[in-house]
Amino acid sequence: MLSAVSVSERTIRQWTESRRKDLEEERNRLILDLYLKAENTQEVIAERLNVGEATVNRTIENFLQNGNLAKMEEISLHTFTDMY
């Protein structure tokens, strides 16, 4: 026997927005991680992650323009730790 579960449209909207933001942040982290390894071109990153080159370029430009050095150091640490 199936029972109906009532979930409001607002709840669904909030969850999907939150999930979309989480996925976007993860994608951006991957883009920056691959970029900082310095062995990947923007074209290669775009193909690997199945996104447009413009998305890769925009992500890198936003990161560099915002001067988020703490995040850059964090990503660089993970990159070099993973390499060795």
N, C-alpha and C. Protein backbone atom coordinates (compact mmCIF):
# COMPACT_ATOMS: atom_id res chain seq x y z
N MET A 1 0.83 -1.18 0.00
CA MET A 1 0.00 0.00 0.00
C MET A 1 0.87 1.24 0.00
N LEU A 2 0.60 2.15 -0.89
CA LEU A 2 1.34 3.40 -0.99
C LEU A 2 0.67 4.48 -0.17
N SER A 3 1.50 5.28 0.47
CA SER A 3 0.93 6.42 1.18
C SER A 3 1.52 7.69 0.60
N ALA A 4 0.73 8.71 0.58
CA ALA A 4 1.15 9.98 0.01
C ALA A 4 1.90 10.78 1.07
N VAL A 5 2.99 11.40 0.65
CA VAL A 5 3.75 12.27 1.53
C VAL A 5 3.60 13.69 0.99
N SER A 6 3.21 14.56 1.87
CA SER A 6 2.99 15.93 1.45
C SER A 6 4.22 16.78 1.76
N VAL A 7 4.78 17.35 0.70
CA VAL A 7 5.91 18.25 0.84
C VAL A 7 5.54 19.52 0.10
N SER A 8 5.76 20.64 0.76
CA SER A 8 5.36 21.90 0.14
C SER A 8 6.29 22.26 -1.02
N GLU A 9 5.75 23.03 -1.92
CA GLU A 9 6.54 23.51 -3.06
C GLU A 9 7.73 24.32 -2.58
N ARG A 10 7.53 25.10 -1.52
CA ARG A 10 8.60 25.91 -0.94
C ARG A 10 9.74 25.03 -0.45
N THR A 11 9.43 23.93 0.21
CA THR A 11 10.45 23.01 0.71
C THR A 11 11.25 22.42 -0.44
N ILE A 12 10.56 22.01 -1.48
CA ILE A 12 11.22 21.44 -2.65
C ILE A 12 12.11 22.49 -3.31
N ARG A 13 11.61 23.70 -3.46
CA ARG A 13 12.38 24.78 -4.07
C ARG A 13 13.64 25.08 -3.26
N GLN A 14 13.50 25.15 -1.95
CA GLN A 14 14.66 25.43 -1.10
C GLN A 14 15.70 24.30 -1.21
N TRP A 15 15.24 23.07 -1.20
CA TRP A 15 16.16 21.94 -1.29
C TRP A 15 16.88 21.93 -2.63
N THR A 16 16.14 22.15 -3.71
CA THR A 16 16.77 22.11 -5.03
C THR A 16 17.74 23.28 -5.23
N GLU A 17 17.40 24.45 -4.70
CA GLU A 17 18.32 25.59 -4.78
C GLU A 17 19.59 25.31 -3.99
N SER A 18 19.42 24.76 -2.83
CA SER A 18 20.57 24.42 -1.99
C SER A 18 21.45 23.37 -2.67
N ARG A 19 20.82 22.37 -3.23
CA ARG A 19 21.56 21.31 -3.92
C ARG A 19 22.29 21.84 -5.15
N ARG A 20 21.64 22.73 -5.90
CA ARG A 20 22.26 23.33 -7.07
C ARG A 20 23.50 24.13 -6.68
N LYS A 21 23.40 24.90 -5.59
CA LYS A 21 24.54 25.67 -5.12
C LYS A 21 25.68 24.76 -4.68
N ASP A 22 25.35 23.67 -4.00
CA ASP A 22 26.38 22.71 -3.58
C ASP A 22 27.09 22.11 -4.78
N LEU A 23 26.33 21.74 -5.80
CA LEU A 23 26.91 21.15 -7.01
C LEU A 23 27.78 22.17 -7.74
N GLU A 24 27.33 23.41 -7.78
CA GLU A 24 28.10 24.47 -8.44
C GLU A 24 29.42 24.72 -7.71
N GLU A 25 29.37 24.74 -6.38
CA GLU A 25 30.59 24.93 -5.59
C GLU A 25 31.57 23.77 -5.81
N GLU A 26 31.06 22.56 -5.86
CA GLU A 26 31.90 21.40 -6.11
C GLU A 26 32.52 21.48 -7.51
N ARG A 27 31.73 21.86 -8.50
CA ARG A 27 32.25 22.02 -9.86
C ARG A 27 33.35 23.07 -9.90
N ASN A 28 33.12 24.19 -9.24
CA ASN A 28 34.12 25.26 -9.22
C ASN A 28 35.40 24.81 -8.52
N ARG A 29 35.25 24.05 -7.45
CA ARG A 29 36.43 23.53 -6.75
C ARG A 29 37.23 22.62 -7.67
N LEU A 30 36.53 21.77 -8.42
CA LEU A 30 37.21 20.87 -9.35
C LEU A 30 37.91 21.65 -10.46
N ILE A 31 37.25 22.67 -10.98
CA ILE A 31 37.85 23.51 -12.02
C ILE A 31 39.15 24.12 -11.50
N LEU A 32 39.09 24.71 -10.32
CA LEU A 32 40.27 25.36 -9.76
C LEU A 32 41.36 24.36 -9.43
N ASP A 33 40.98 23.22 -8.92
CA ASP A 33 41.95 22.18 -8.59
C ASP A 33 42.68 21.74 -9.86
N LEU A 34 41.95 21.48 -10.92
CA LEU A 34 42.57 21.06 -12.18
C LEU A 34 43.41 22.19 -12.77
N TYR A 35 42.97 23.41 -12.65
CA TYR A 35 43.71 24.56 -13.18
C TYR A 35 45.02 24.75 -12.42
N LEU A 36 44.97 24.63 -11.11
CA LEU A 36 46.16 24.86 -10.30
C LEU A 36 47.20 23.75 -10.44
N LYS A 37 46.81 22.62 -10.93
CA LYS A 37 47.79 21.57 -11.18
C LYS A 37 48.71 21.95 -12.34
N ALA A 38 48.32 22.98 -13.09
CA ALA A 38 49.12 23.56 -14.18
C ALA A 38 49.42 22.58 -15.30
N GLU A 39 48.73 21.49 -15.33
CA GLU A 39 48.93 20.55 -16.42
C GLU A 39 47.68 20.45 -17.29
N ASN A 40 46.74 21.32 -17.04
CA ASN A 40 45.47 21.28 -17.76
C ASN A 40 45.16 22.63 -18.38
N THR A 41 44.80 22.63 -19.63
CA THR A 41 44.33 23.86 -20.26
C THR A 41 42.85 24.03 -19.92
N GLN A 42 42.34 25.21 -20.16
CA GLN A 42 40.91 25.45 -19.91
C GLN A 42 40.08 24.54 -20.81
N GLU A 43 40.54 24.29 -22.00
CA GLU A 43 39.82 23.41 -22.92
C GLU A 43 39.75 21.98 -22.36
N VAL A 44 40.86 21.49 -21.84
CA VAL A 44 40.90 20.14 -21.28
C VAL A 44 39.99 20.04 -20.06
N ILE A 45 40.03 21.06 -19.22
CA ILE A 45 39.18 21.07 -18.02
C ILE A 45 37.71 21.05 -18.43
N ALA A 46 37.35 21.87 -19.40
CA ALA A 46 35.95 21.94 -19.87
C ALA A 46 35.50 20.58 -20.40
N GLU A 47 36.34 19.94 -21.19
CA GLU A 47 35.98 18.62 -21.73
C GLU A 47 35.87 17.58 -20.61
N ARG A 48 36.80 17.61 -19.69
CA ARG A 48 36.80 16.62 -18.61
C ARG A 48 35.57 16.73 -17.71
N LEU A 49 35.14 17.96 -17.45
CA LEU A 49 33.99 18.18 -16.56
C LEU A 49 32.68 18.36 -17.31
N ASN A 50 32.76 18.28 -18.64
CA ASN A 50 31.57 18.41 -19.48
C ASN A 50 30.84 19.75 -19.26
N VAL A 51 31.64 20.81 -19.24
CA VAL A 51 31.10 22.17 -19.14
C VAL A 51 31.73 22.99 -20.27
N GLY A 52 31.20 24.16 -20.49
CA GLY A 52 31.74 25.03 -21.53
C GLY A 52 33.04 25.70 -21.10
N GLU A 53 33.87 26.02 -22.08
CA GLU A 53 35.11 26.74 -21.77
C GLU A 53 34.83 28.07 -21.10
N ALA A 54 33.71 28.70 -21.47
CA ALA A 54 33.35 29.98 -20.86
C ALA A 54 33.11 29.82 -19.35
N THR A 55 32.53 28.70 -18.96
CA THR A 55 32.30 28.43 -17.53
C THR A 55 33.63 28.29 -16.81
N VAL A 56 34.54 27.56 -17.41
CA VAL A 56 35.87 27.38 -16.82
C VAL A 56 36.58 28.72 -16.71
N ASN A 57 36.57 29.48 -17.80
CA ASN A 57 37.23 30.77 -17.81
C ASN A 57 36.65 31.70 -16.76
N ARG A 58 35.33 31.77 -16.70
CA ARG A 58 34.64 32.65 -15.74
C ARG A 58 34.97 32.25 -14.30
N THR A 59 34.99 30.96 -14.02
CA THR A 59 35.30 30.48 -12.68
C THR A 59 36.71 30.89 -12.27
N ILE A 60 37.67 30.70 -13.17
CA ILE A 60 39.06 31.04 -12.88
C ILE A 60 39.21 32.55 -12.72
N GLU A 61 38.60 33.31 -13.63
CA GLU A 61 38.68 34.78 -13.55
C GLU A 61 38.08 35.30 -12.25
N ASN A 62 36.91 34.79 -11.88
CA ASN A 62 36.27 35.22 -10.62
C ASN A 62 37.17 34.91 -9.44
N PHE A 63 37.76 33.75 -9.46
CA PHE A 63 38.64 33.34 -8.37
C PHE A 63 39.86 34.27 -8.27
N LEU A 64 40.48 34.55 -9.40
CA LEU A 64 41.67 35.39 -9.40
C LEU A 64 41.35 36.84 -9.06
N GLN A 65 40.22 37.35 -9.54
CA GLN A 65 39.84 38.74 -9.27
C GLN A 65 39.42 38.97 -7.83
N ASN A 66 38.85 37.96 -7.20
CA ASN A 66 38.41 38.11 -5.82
C ASN A 66 39.57 38.03 -4.85
N GLY A 67 40.72 37.58 -5.32
CA GLY A 67 41.91 37.54 -4.48
C GLY A 67 41.75 36.65 -3.26
N ASN A 68 41.04 35.58 -3.42
CA ASN A 68 40.79 34.67 -2.29
C ASN A 68 42.00 33.78 -2.07
N LEU A 69 43.04 34.33 -1.47
CA LEU A 69 44.29 33.60 -1.29
C LEU A 69 44.15 32.43 -0.34
N ALA A 70 43.33 32.57 0.68
CA ALA A 70 43.15 31.46 1.62
C ALA A 70 42.61 30.24 0.90
N LYS A 71 41.64 30.45 0.03
CA LYS A 71 41.07 29.33 -0.71
C LYS A 71 42.10 28.78 -1.69
N MET A 72 42.89 29.66 -2.31
CA MET A 72 43.91 29.21 -3.24
C MET A 72 44.93 28.34 -2.51
N GLU A 73 45.35 28.76 -1.32
CA GLU A 73 46.31 27.97 -0.55
C GLU A 73 45.72 26.63 -0.16
N GLU A 74 44.45 26.62 0.22
CA GLU A 74 43.78 25.38 0.59
C GLU A 74 43.74 24.41 -0.59
N ILE A 75 43.37 24.92 -1.75
CA ILE A 75 43.30 24.07 -2.94
C ILE A 75 44.70 23.61 -3.33
N SER A 76 45.68 24.51 -3.26
CA SER A 76 47.04 24.15 -3.62
C SER A 76 47.58 23.07 -2.69
N LEU A 77 47.27 23.18 -1.41
CA LEU A 77 47.70 22.16 -0.46
C LEU A 77 47.14 20.80 -0.83
N HIS A 78 45.84 20.76 -1.15
CA HIS A 78 45.21 19.50 -1.54
C HIS A 78 45.82 18.98 -2.83
N THR A 79 46.11 19.87 -3.75
CA THR A 79 46.67 19.48 -5.03
C THR A 79 48.02 18.83 -4.83
N PHE A 80 48.90 19.47 -4.08
CA PHE A 80 50.23 18.94 -3.90
C PHE A 80 50.23 17.70 -3.01
N THR A 81 49.34 17.65 -2.05
CA THR A 81 49.23 16.47 -1.21
C THR A 81 48.78 15.27 -2.03
N ASP A 82 47.83 15.51 -2.93
CA ASP A 82 47.33 14.42 -3.78
C ASP A 82 48.39 13.95 -4.77
N MET A 83 49.27 14.84 -5.16
CA MET A 83 50.28 14.49 -6.16
C MET A 83 51.38 13.61 -5.56
N TYR A 84 51.65 13.76 -4.27
CA TYR A 84 52.76 13.02 -3.66
C TYR A 84 52.31 12.04 -2.67
